[in-house]
């Protein structure tokens, strides 16, 4: 199938970065007189992802530790379970940090309901808690996260564009019951309703495991030989789905839109196997949440939710500086929009 060049409208979803005008909703606003780096109070902040060992979460870790290096006297204790399905293990890990009495807790919830008691326990102990990437329902604390509904709406629009308004598509979910999975499915399903020629014919989860995503995708392709498009809704989902498509010699015949930007995903984007990636800003989640919590603890700053951005990355724009910073973030080249309230810390050392 011939893949048309992405329309300008779809590319408008991307948000410019450092040095270019940009918007950020719900972010905390630092006081003009306060500075988290000016206090000598030593802090230990526990930062806990959904799971360790994934490219996405290593960028969160890099952002958190970059922020700590700018602040002074801030130590990041980074740890997590090995699988996003290990909800019980994450609960135990977080309770251990509360028992230790760390100064603050920043975590991505593996389950939208099961982590509520952990947050409540920390708050009872007067320990500040923020969520990154994934929160709980009802939301109890500030959340630093992607607008997953918007990003998933973008996926539906991209599918419609690439398939010229007619096609059968599937979604590979990762972990139903998490905020991010629920929102991405909801946004994709809602987005497709705007395109009457687009039909969702399959929806299966993979437990955020690339090998299971391979099996799931093969099952979907067997049951739906006329499938036109696949939405892989996180890093392992995309990697496993790509392997299945490649093994069946369907690369270029099935449109793939993925979420996240692990090296294998970026390579597949560059080769044309993947048409587009919906890319988050995990570095910013780690960076901004750590600085905001430090400002809160040291200076009493009030903190609210922050939309950390969502970007449509294609083969055509992936080498532009703004997108390169998102795909390969570093402490010397942080992917922060010019409106980020913590931009002043970038050049501190």
Protein backbone atom coordinates (compact mmCIF):
# COMPACT_ATOMS: atom_id res chain seq x y z
CA UNK A 1 0.00 0.00 0.00
CA UNK A 2 1.30 3.41 -0.89
CA UNK A 3 1.61 5.67 2.16
CA UNK A 4 0.65 9.29 1.57
CA UNK A 5 2.70 12.09 3.07
CA UNK A 6 1.23 13.19 6.39
CA UNK A 7 -1.10 16.14 6.14
CA UNK A 8 -0.20 19.44 7.74
CA UNK A 9 -3.23 19.16 9.99
CA UNK A 10 -1.95 15.98 11.60
CA UNK A 11 1.47 17.48 12.18
CA UNK A 12 -0.09 20.40 14.02
CA UNK A 13 -0.43 18.11 17.03
CA UNK A 14 3.27 18.51 17.72
CA UNK A 15 4.29 21.13 20.27
CA UNK A 16 7.44 23.24 19.70
CA UNK A 17 10.18 22.95 22.29
CA UNK A 18 12.91 25.02 23.89
CA UNK A 19 13.33 28.43 22.27
CA UNK A 20 10.01 28.29 20.38
CA UNK A 21 6.68 29.60 21.62
CA UNK A 22 4.64 26.81 23.22
CA UNK A 23 1.75 26.19 25.59
CA UNK A 24 1.46 24.13 28.75
CA UNK A 25 -1.76 23.77 30.70
CA UNK A 26 -2.14 23.15 34.40
CA UNK A 27 1.52 23.54 35.26
CA UNK A 28 2.81 24.82 38.56
CA UNK A 29 3.98 28.41 38.69
CA UNK A 30 7.08 29.12 40.80
CA UNK A 31 7.28 32.21 42.94
CA UNK A 32 9.50 34.94 41.54
CA UNK A 33 11.33 35.11 44.87
CA UNK A 34 11.72 31.43 45.70
CA UNK A 35 14.44 29.08 44.51
CA UNK A 36 14.55 25.38 45.32
CA UNK A 37 18.29 25.40 44.79
CA UNK A 38 18.82 28.02 47.49
CA UNK A 39 17.86 25.77 50.43
CA UNK A 40 20.38 23.55 52.18
CA UNK A 41 17.74 21.07 53.33
CA UNK A 42 18.83 17.62 52.13
CA UNK A 43 16.00 15.64 50.53
CA UNK A 44 15.52 12.05 49.40
CA UNK A 45 12.73 11.62 46.86
CA UNK A 46 11.55 8.16 45.82
CA UNK A 47 10.66 8.03 42.13
CA UNK A 48 8.91 4.81 41.09
CA UNK A 49 7.90 3.96 37.50
CA UNK A 50 5.35 1.35 36.52
CA UNK A 51 8.24 -0.97 35.77
CA UNK A 52 11.96 -0.81 35.17
CA UNK A 53 13.76 -2.06 32.07
CA UNK A 54 11.80 -0.10 29.43
CA UNK A 55 13.28 2.68 27.32
CA UNK A 56 10.40 5.00 28.21
CA UNK A 57 11.02 4.77 31.95
CA UNK A 58 14.77 5.29 31.57
CA UNK A 59 13.94 8.74 30.17
CA UNK A 60 11.79 9.48 33.24
CA UNK A 61 14.73 8.46 35.41
CA UNK A 62 17.11 10.66 33.42
CA UNK A 63 14.80 13.66 33.82
CA UNK A 64 14.40 13.12 37.56
CA UNK A 65 18.14 12.76 38.16
CA UNK A 66 18.90 15.73 35.91
CA UNK A 67 16.57 17.87 38.03
CA UNK A 68 18.22 16.63 41.23
CA UNK A 69 21.64 17.58 39.86
CA UNK A 70 20.42 21.16 39.33
CA UNK A 71 18.80 21.53 42.74
CA UNK A 72 21.54 20.56 45.16
CA UNK A 73 21.14 18.26 48.18
CA UNK A 74 18.45 16.22 46.44
CA UNK A 75 18.87 12.46 46.09
CA UNK A 76 16.66 10.37 43.79
CA UNK A 77 15.93 6.83 44.96
CA UNK A 78 14.84 5.13 41.73
CA UNK A 79 13.31 1.64 41.87
CA UNK A 80 10.43 -0.32 40.40
CA UNK A 81 8.94 -3.73 39.75
CA UNK A 82 9.98 -5.72 36.69
CA UNK A 83 6.52 -5.97 35.09
CA UNK A 84 3.71 -3.42 34.86
CA UNK A 85 1.28 -6.20 35.79
CA UNK A 86 2.90 -6.58 39.23
CA UNK A 87 0.48 -4.29 41.04
CA UNK A 88 0.99 -6.03 44.38
CA UNK A 89 4.75 -5.65 44.08
CA UNK A 90 4.46 -1.93 43.40
CA UNK A 91 2.15 -1.45 46.37
CA UNK A 92 4.68 -3.22 48.60
CA UNK A 93 7.58 -1.16 47.22
CA UNK A 94 5.78 2.14 47.78
CA UNK A 95 4.72 1.17 51.29
CA UNK A 96 8.37 0.41 52.01
CA UNK A 97 9.32 3.95 51.03
CA UNK A 98 6.60 5.33 53.32
CA UNK A 99 7.94 3.18 56.17
CA UNK A 100 11.44 4.53 55.50
CA UNK A 101 10.18 8.07 55.76
CA UNK A 102 11.53 9.47 52.49
CA UNK A 103 10.83 13.18 52.01
CA UNK A 104 8.54 12.72 49.02
CA UNK A 105 6.99 10.05 46.80
CA UNK A 106 6.61 10.33 43.01
CA UNK A 107 5.16 7.32 41.22
CA UNK A 108 3.31 6.03 38.16
CA UNK A 109 0.29 3.99 39.24
CA UNK A 110 0.10 0.46 37.83
CA UNK A 111 -3.61 0.33 38.64
CA UNK A 112 -6.14 3.13 38.72
CA UNK A 113 -7.83 1.86 41.93
CA UNK A 114 -5.38 -0.37 43.77
CA UNK A 115 -2.88 2.42 44.45
CA UNK A 116 -5.36 4.74 46.18
CA UNK A 117 -4.66 3.34 49.67
CA UNK A 118 -0.93 3.88 49.19
CA UNK A 119 -1.43 7.53 48.36
CA UNK A 120 -3.79 7.93 51.30
CA UNK A 121 -1.28 6.32 53.67
CA UNK A 122 1.51 8.64 52.51
CA UNK A 123 -0.73 11.66 52.94
CA UNK A 124 -1.64 10.55 56.45
CA UNK A 125 2.09 10.46 57.17
CA UNK A 126 2.31 14.03 55.80
CA UNK A 127 4.48 12.85 52.94
CA UNK A 128 3.93 14.76 49.68
CA UNK A 129 2.88 12.51 46.79
CA UNK A 130 2.75 13.20 43.03
CA UNK A 131 1.80 10.92 40.19
CA UNK A 132 3.68 10.79 36.90
CA UNK A 133 2.36 9.26 33.66
CA UNK A 134 -0.50 7.40 35.37
CA UNK A 135 -2.63 8.41 38.32
CA UNK A 136 -5.57 7.05 40.25
CA UNK A 137 -9.33 7.55 40.26
CA UNK A 138 -10.44 9.54 42.08
CA UNK A 139 -7.39 11.69 41.56
CA UNK A 140 -5.87 12.58 44.92
CA UNK A 141 -2.60 14.31 44.02
CA UNK A 142 -0.98 16.40 41.26
CA UNK A 143 -0.44 14.47 38.03
CA UNK A 144 2.40 15.11 35.56
CA UNK A 145 1.27 13.30 32.43
CA UNK A 146 0.50 13.15 28.74
CA UNK A 147 -2.92 14.07 27.38
CA UNK A 148 -3.57 10.47 26.35
CA UNK A 149 -7.05 11.20 25.01
CA UNK A 150 -5.67 13.79 22.62
CA UNK A 151 -2.82 11.55 21.49
CA UNK A 152 -5.21 8.67 20.80
CA UNK A 153 -7.52 10.98 18.85
CA UNK A 154 -4.46 11.84 16.75
CA UNK A 155 -3.94 8.13 16.07
CA UNK A 156 -7.48 7.82 14.71
CA UNK A 157 -6.90 10.86 12.48
CA UNK A 158 -3.61 9.44 11.22
CA UNK A 159 -5.19 6.08 10.43
CA UNK A 160 -7.95 7.80 8.51
CA UNK A 161 -5.39 9.82 6.54
CA UNK A 162 -3.13 6.89 5.67
CA UNK A 163 -6.03 4.62 4.73
CA UNK A 164 -7.86 7.29 2.71
CA UNK A 165 -10.94 7.08 4.90
CA UNK A 166 -11.61 3.35 4.46
CA UNK A 167 -10.19 0.51 6.53
CA UNK A 168 -10.34 -2.16 9.20
CA UNK A 169 -8.10 -1.47 12.19
CA UNK A 170 -7.05 -3.08 15.46
CA UNK A 171 -5.70 -1.83 18.76
CA UNK A 172 -3.14 -3.71 20.83
CA UNK A 173 -3.78 -2.61 24.42
CA UNK A 174 -1.22 -3.14 27.18
CA UNK A 175 -2.71 -3.11 30.67
CA UNK A 176 -6.46 -2.49 31.06
CA UNK A 177 -7.15 -0.95 34.46
CA UNK A 178 -4.35 1.60 34.22
CA UNK A 179 -5.21 5.22 33.55
CA UNK A 180 -3.02 5.41 30.45
CA UNK A 181 -4.40 2.28 28.81
CA UNK A 182 -7.99 3.24 29.55
CA UNK A 183 -7.53 6.73 28.14
CA UNK A 184 -5.73 5.62 24.99
CA UNK A 185 -8.41 3.08 24.15
CA UNK A 186 -11.14 5.60 24.90
CA UNK A 187 -9.53 8.30 22.78
CA UNK A 188 -8.94 5.97 19.84
CA UNK A 189 -12.48 4.58 19.87
CA UNK A 190 -13.96 8.07 20.19
CA UNK A 191 -11.67 9.39 17.47
CA UNK A 192 -12.74 6.71 15.00
CA UNK A 193 -16.38 7.78 15.31
CA UNK A 194 -15.51 10.87 13.25
CA UNK A 195 -14.60 8.64 10.30
CA UNK A 196 -17.53 6.42 9.16
CA UNK A 197 -15.31 4.42 6.81
CA UNK A 198 -13.00 3.31 9.62
CA UNK A 199 -13.92 0.19 11.58
CA UNK A 200 -12.35 -1.22 14.75
CA UNK A 201 -12.44 -5.01 14.30
CA UNK A 202 -10.09 -6.24 17.03
CA UNK A 203 -8.94 -5.20 20.50
CA UNK A 204 -6.65 -7.33 22.66
CA UNK A 205 -4.23 -6.62 25.55
CA UNK A 206 -0.67 -7.94 25.85
CA UNK A 207 0.19 -7.24 29.49
CA UNK A 208 2.85 -4.76 28.37
CA UNK A 209 4.97 -7.69 27.15
CA UNK A 210 6.48 -7.59 23.65
CA UNK A 211 6.48 -11.39 23.27
CA UNK A 212 2.80 -11.52 24.17
CA UNK A 213 2.14 -8.63 21.78
CA UNK A 214 3.69 -10.74 19.03
CA UNK A 215 1.30 -13.60 19.80
CA UNK A 216 -1.71 -11.30 20.17
CA UNK A 217 -0.99 -9.59 16.85
CA UNK A 218 -0.56 -12.90 15.05
CA UNK A 219 -3.91 -14.03 16.43
CA UNK A 220 -5.56 -10.82 15.24
CA UNK A 221 -4.02 -11.11 11.77
CA UNK A 222 -5.16 -14.73 11.47
CA UNK A 223 -8.71 -13.82 12.45
CA UNK A 224 -8.74 -10.68 10.27
CA UNK A 225 -6.85 -11.36 7.01
CA UNK A 226 -8.19 -8.13 5.51
CA UNK A 227 -6.84 -5.95 8.34
CA UNK A 228 -5.53 -2.57 7.15
CA UNK A 229 -4.10 -0.89 10.26
CA UNK A 230 -2.73 -1.55 13.74
CA UNK A 231 -2.42 0.83 16.68
CA UNK A 232 0.20 -0.33 19.18
CA UNK A 233 -0.63 1.62 22.31
CA UNK A 234 2.73 1.43 24.14
CA UNK A 235 6.37 0.44 23.62
CA UNK A 236 6.07 -3.37 24.03
CA UNK A 237 2.82 -3.42 22.04
CA UNK A 238 4.45 -1.67 19.10
CA UNK A 239 7.59 -3.83 19.17
CA UNK A 240 5.64 -7.10 19.29
CA UNK A 241 3.15 -5.99 16.65
CA UNK A 242 5.97 -4.89 14.34
CA UNK A 243 7.62 -8.31 14.66
CA UNK A 244 4.38 -10.05 13.72
CA UNK A 245 3.84 -7.83 10.68
CA UNK A 246 7.46 -8.33 9.59
CA UNK A 247 7.30 -12.10 10.01
CA UNK A 248 4.20 -12.28 7.82
CA UNK A 249 5.85 -10.12 5.13
CA UNK A 250 3.16 -7.49 5.55
CA UNK A 251 5.44 -4.49 6.10
CA UNK A 252 4.17 -1.66 3.92
CA UNK A 253 0.84 -3.41 3.43
CA UNK A 254 -0.52 -2.74 6.92
CA UNK A 255 -0.40 0.78 8.31
CA UNK A 256 1.10 0.89 11.78
CA UNK A 257 0.85 3.80 14.19
CA UNK A 258 2.69 3.34 17.46
CA UNK A 259 3.00 4.98 20.85
CA UNK A 260 6.36 5.87 22.48
CA UNK A 261 9.80 6.05 20.91
CA UNK A 262 12.07 3.17 21.94
CA UNK A 263 15.09 2.62 19.64
CA UNK A 264 13.40 -0.29 17.80
CA UNK A 265 10.33 1.88 17.20
CA UNK A 266 12.41 4.78 15.90
CA UNK A 267 14.31 2.41 13.59
CA UNK A 268 11.02 1.06 12.24
CA UNK A 269 9.80 4.61 11.72
CA UNK A 270 12.95 5.48 9.81
CA UNK A 271 12.63 2.40 7.58
CA UNK A 272 8.99 3.14 6.83
CA UNK A 273 7.64 0.05 8.59
CA UNK A 274 5.85 2.34 11.06
CA UNK A 275 3.99 5.31 9.59
CA UNK A 276 3.96 7.53 12.68
CA UNK A 277 4.70 7.51 16.39
CA UNK A 278 2.79 9.29 19.13
CA UNK A 279 5.62 10.40 21.39
CA UNK A 280 5.40 11.56 24.99
CA UNK A 281 7.89 13.55 27.04
CA UNK A 282 8.93 11.21 29.86
CA UNK A 283 12.10 13.23 30.53
CA UNK A 284 9.93 16.25 31.33
CA UNK A 285 7.70 14.18 33.63
CA UNK A 286 10.72 13.26 35.73
CA UNK A 287 12.36 16.68 35.57
CA UNK A 288 9.32 18.82 36.33
CA UNK A 289 7.86 16.59 39.04
CA UNK A 290 11.13 16.51 41.00
CA UNK A 291 11.64 20.26 40.83
CA UNK A 292 8.00 20.95 41.69
CA UNK A 293 8.13 18.66 44.72
CA UNK A 294 11.38 20.22 45.90
CA UNK A 295 9.89 23.70 45.55
CA UNK A 296 6.85 22.50 47.49
CA UNK A 297 8.87 21.01 50.33
CA UNK A 298 11.45 23.80 50.62
CA UNK A 299 9.35 26.84 49.76
CA UNK A 300 5.71 25.83 50.26
CA UNK A 301 4.80 26.23 46.60
CA UNK A 302 1.35 25.02 45.55
CA UNK A 303 1.49 22.39 42.80
CA UNK A 304 -1.20 21.44 40.28
CA UNK A 305 -1.51 19.07 37.32
CA UNK A 306 0.81 19.44 34.35
CA UNK A 307 0.24 18.38 30.74
CA UNK A 308 3.72 17.31 29.67
CA UNK A 309 2.96 17.25 25.95
CA UNK A 310 2.25 14.84 23.11
CA UNK A 311 3.92 14.84 19.67
CA UNK A 312 3.29 13.30 16.27
CA UNK A 313 6.65 12.14 14.92
CA UNK A 314 7.08 10.93 11.33
CA UNK A 315 9.93 10.00 9.04
CA UNK A 316 9.62 13.48 7.54
CA UNK A 317 10.10 15.43 10.80
CA UNK A 318 12.06 13.07 13.06
CA UNK A 319 15.43 14.74 12.36
CA UNK A 320 14.24 18.28 13.11
CA UNK A 321 15.93 19.63 16.27
CA UNK A 322 12.74 19.85 18.32
CA UNK A 323 11.85 16.23 17.64
CA UNK A 324 15.42 15.01 18.02
CA UNK A 325 15.44 16.43 21.55
CA UNK A 326 12.28 14.45 22.34
CA UNK A 327 13.62 11.22 20.83
CA UNK A 328 17.07 11.49 22.46
CA UNK A 329 16.73 13.66 25.58
CA UNK A 330 19.66 14.56 27.79
CA UNK A 331 20.42 16.83 30.70
CA UNK A 332 22.44 19.08 28.38
CA UNK A 333 19.67 19.13 25.75
CA UNK A 334 16.44 18.76 27.74
CA UNK A 335 13.18 18.61 25.73
CA UNK A 336 11.42 21.41 27.61
CA UNK A 337 9.00 23.87 25.95
CA UNK A 338 9.77 27.55 26.30
CA UNK A 339 6.75 27.91 28.60
CA UNK A 340 8.01 25.34 31.10
CA UNK A 341 8.00 26.97 34.56
CA UNK A 342 11.24 25.18 35.48
CA UNK A 343 13.26 26.25 32.46
CA UNK A 344 15.40 28.47 34.69
CA UNK A 345 17.00 25.35 36.21
CA UNK A 346 18.35 24.04 32.90
CA UNK A 347 21.52 26.09 33.02
CA UNK A 348 22.16 25.62 36.74
CA UNK A 349 24.91 23.30 37.88
